[in-house]
Amino acid sequence: GMVMFDTASMMSHSCKPTACWHYGMGDQFVARARTLIRKGDEVTISYVSDLDLVRSTEERQDRLEGWRFRCSCERCSEE
């Protein structure tokens, strides 16, 4: 099956995300800061699970194949 996460899908991915998200009551989209976000900073989420975030860059890239892009976030570029 396929699920559309319309609000979340508009947010950029990062392997060092500034926010996390979940659905609250009534399928309300809830985003929470993971780091200090200053005015003008991009709010990013991870498209992979927190467990995947502790894996190597290669493993994270493999997990992201379903989104059909190669991550070039700050963290992937550093490793």
C-alpha atoms as a PDB file:
ATOM      1  CA  GLY A   1       0.000   0.000   0.000  1.00  0.00           C
ATOM      2  CA  MET A   2       0.893   3.640  -0.233  1.00  0.00           C
ATOM      3  CA  VAL A   3       0.478   6.395   2.315  1.00  0.00           C
ATOM      4  CA  MET A   4       0.683  10.123   1.651  1.00  0.00           C
ATOM      5  CA  PHE A   5       2.129  12.264   4.406  1.00  0.00           C
ATOM      6  CA  ASP A   6       1.330  15.551   2.722  1.00  0.00           C
ATOM      7  CA  THR A   7       2.605  17.958   5.379  1.00  0.00           C
ATOM      8  CA  ALA A   8       5.696  15.939   6.294  1.00  0.00           C
ATOM      9  CA  SER A   9       6.531  15.398   2.631  1.00  0.00           C
ATOM     10  CA  MET A  10       7.085  19.129   2.227  1.00  0.00           C
ATOM     11  CA  MET A  11       9.933  19.091   4.765  1.00  0.00           C
ATOM     12  CA  SER A  12      13.532  18.458   3.724  1.00  0.00           C
ATOM     13  CA  HIS A  13      15.456  15.424   4.923  1.00  0.00           C
ATOM     14  CA  SER A  14      18.678  15.550   6.892  1.00  0.00           C
ATOM     15  CA  CYS A  15      20.643  12.814   8.673  1.00  0.00           C
ATOM     16  CA  LYS A  16      21.239  15.495  11.320  1.00  0.00           C
ATOM     17  CA  PRO A  17      17.628  16.714  11.581  1.00  0.00           C
ATOM     18  CA  THR A  18      16.635  19.841  13.476  1.00  0.00           C
ATOM     19  CA  ALA A  19      13.133  18.478  14.178  1.00  0.00           C
ATOM     20  CA  CYS A  20      11.160  15.268  14.543  1.00  0.00           C
ATOM     21  CA  TRP A  21       7.496  14.700  13.798  1.00  0.00           C
ATOM     22  CA  HIS A  22       4.585  12.442  14.599  1.00  0.00           C
ATOM     23  CA  TYR A  23       0.835  12.400  14.278  1.00  0.00           C
ATOM     24  CA  GLY A  24      -1.103  13.622  17.291  1.00  0.00           C
ATOM     25  CA  MET A  25      -4.785  13.359  18.018  1.00  0.00           C
ATOM     26  CA  GLY A  26      -7.006  13.328  14.958  1.00  0.00           C
ATOM     27  CA  ASP A  27      -4.034  12.875  12.616  1.00  0.00           C
ATOM     28  CA  GLN A  28      -2.758  16.338  13.534  1.00  0.00           C
ATOM     29  CA  PHE A  29       0.823  16.867  12.332  1.00  0.00           C
ATOM     30  CA  VAL A  30       3.146  17.634  15.264  1.00  0.00           C
ATOM     31  CA  ALA A  31       6.749  18.792  14.744  1.00  0.00           C
ATOM     32  CA  ARG A  32       9.144  19.223  17.651  1.00  0.00           C
ATOM     33  CA  ALA A  33      12.579  20.822  17.662  1.00  0.00           C
ATOM     34  CA  ARG A  34      15.502  18.450  18.287  1.00  0.00           C
ATOM     35  CA  THR A  35      18.021  21.289  18.326  1.00  0.00           C
ATOM     36  CA  LEU A  36      17.981  25.037  18.748  1.00  0.00           C
ATOM     37  CA  ILE A  37      16.399  26.458  15.607  1.00  0.00           C
ATOM     38  CA  ARG A  38      17.118  30.103  14.950  1.00  0.00           C
ATOM     39  CA  LYS A  39      15.179  32.453  12.719  1.00  0.00           C
ATOM     40  CA  GLY A  40      16.181  31.706   9.136  1.00  0.00           C
ATOM     41  CA  ASP A  41      17.370  28.132   9.846  1.00  0.00           C
ATOM     42  CA  GLU A  42      15.857  25.377   7.735  1.00  0.00           C
ATOM     43  CA  VAL A  43      13.658  22.974   9.685  1.00  0.00           C
ATOM     44  CA  THR A  44      14.578  19.444   8.603  1.00  0.00           C
ATOM     45  CA  ILE A  45      13.358  15.987   9.547  1.00  0.00           C
ATOM     46  CA  SER A  46      14.765  12.534   8.954  1.00  0.00           C
ATOM     47  CA  TYR A  47      13.010  10.296   6.457  1.00  0.00           C
ATOM     48  CA  VAL A  48      14.589   7.287   8.205  1.00  0.00           C
ATOM     49  CA  SER A  49      14.064   6.081  11.770  1.00  0.00           C
ATOM     50  CA  ASP A  50      16.138   7.189  14.759  1.00  0.00           C
ATOM     51  CA  LEU A  51      17.678   3.702  14.765  1.00  0.00           C
ATOM     52  CA  ASP A  52      18.803   4.223  11.155  1.00  0.00           C
ATOM     53  CA  LEU A  53      20.348   7.572  12.080  1.00  0.00           C
ATOM     54  CA  VAL A  54      23.014   5.855  14.198  1.00  0.00           C
ATOM     55  CA  ARG A  55      24.065   3.668  11.269  1.00  0.00           C
ATOM     56  CA  SER A  56      26.893   4.400   8.840  1.00  0.00           C
ATOM     57  CA  THR A  57      26.470   6.788   5.922  1.00  0.00           C
ATOM     58  CA  GLU A  58      26.386   3.855   3.494  1.00  0.00           C
ATOM     59  CA  GLU A  59      23.614   2.141   5.466  1.00  0.00           C
ATOM     60  CA  ARG A  60      21.596   5.367   5.699  1.00  0.00           C
ATOM     61  CA  GLN A  61      21.985   5.921   1.951  1.00  0.00           C
ATOM     62  CA  ASP A  62      20.681   2.377   1.350  1.00  0.00           C
ATOM     63  CA  ARG A  63      17.622   3.126   3.512  1.00  0.00           C
ATOM     64  CA  LEU A  64      16.947   6.309   1.552  1.00  0.00           C
ATOM     65  CA  GLU A  65      16.830   4.556  -1.838  1.00  0.00           C
ATOM     66  CA  GLY A  66      13.030   4.398  -1.550  1.00  0.00           C
ATOM     67  CA  TRP A  67      12.912   8.206  -1.723  1.00  0.00           C
ATOM     68  CA  ARG A  68      14.963   8.118  -4.920  1.00  0.00           C
ATOM     69  CA  PHE A  69      17.630  10.586  -3.922  1.00  0.00           C
ATOM     70  CA  ARG A  70      21.135  10.498  -2.544  1.00  0.00           C
ATOM     71  CA  CYS A  71      21.460  12.423   0.682  1.00  0.00           C
ATOM     72  CA  SER A  72      24.040  15.194   0.622  1.00  0.00           C
ATOM     73  CA  CYS A  73      23.241  16.715   3.997  1.00  0.00           C
ATOM     74  CA  GLU A  74      25.961  18.151   6.226  1.00  0.00           C
ATOM     75  CA  ARG A  75      26.450  14.857   8.065  1.00  0.00           C
ATOM     76  CA  CYS A  76      26.695  12.695   4.934  1.00  0.00           C
ATOM     77  CA  SER A  77      29.142  15.167   3.396  1.00  0.00           C
ATOM     78  CA  GLU A  78      31.378  15.066   6.508  1.00  0.00           C
ATOM     79  CA  GLU A  79      31.574  11.272   6.855  1.00  0.00           C
END
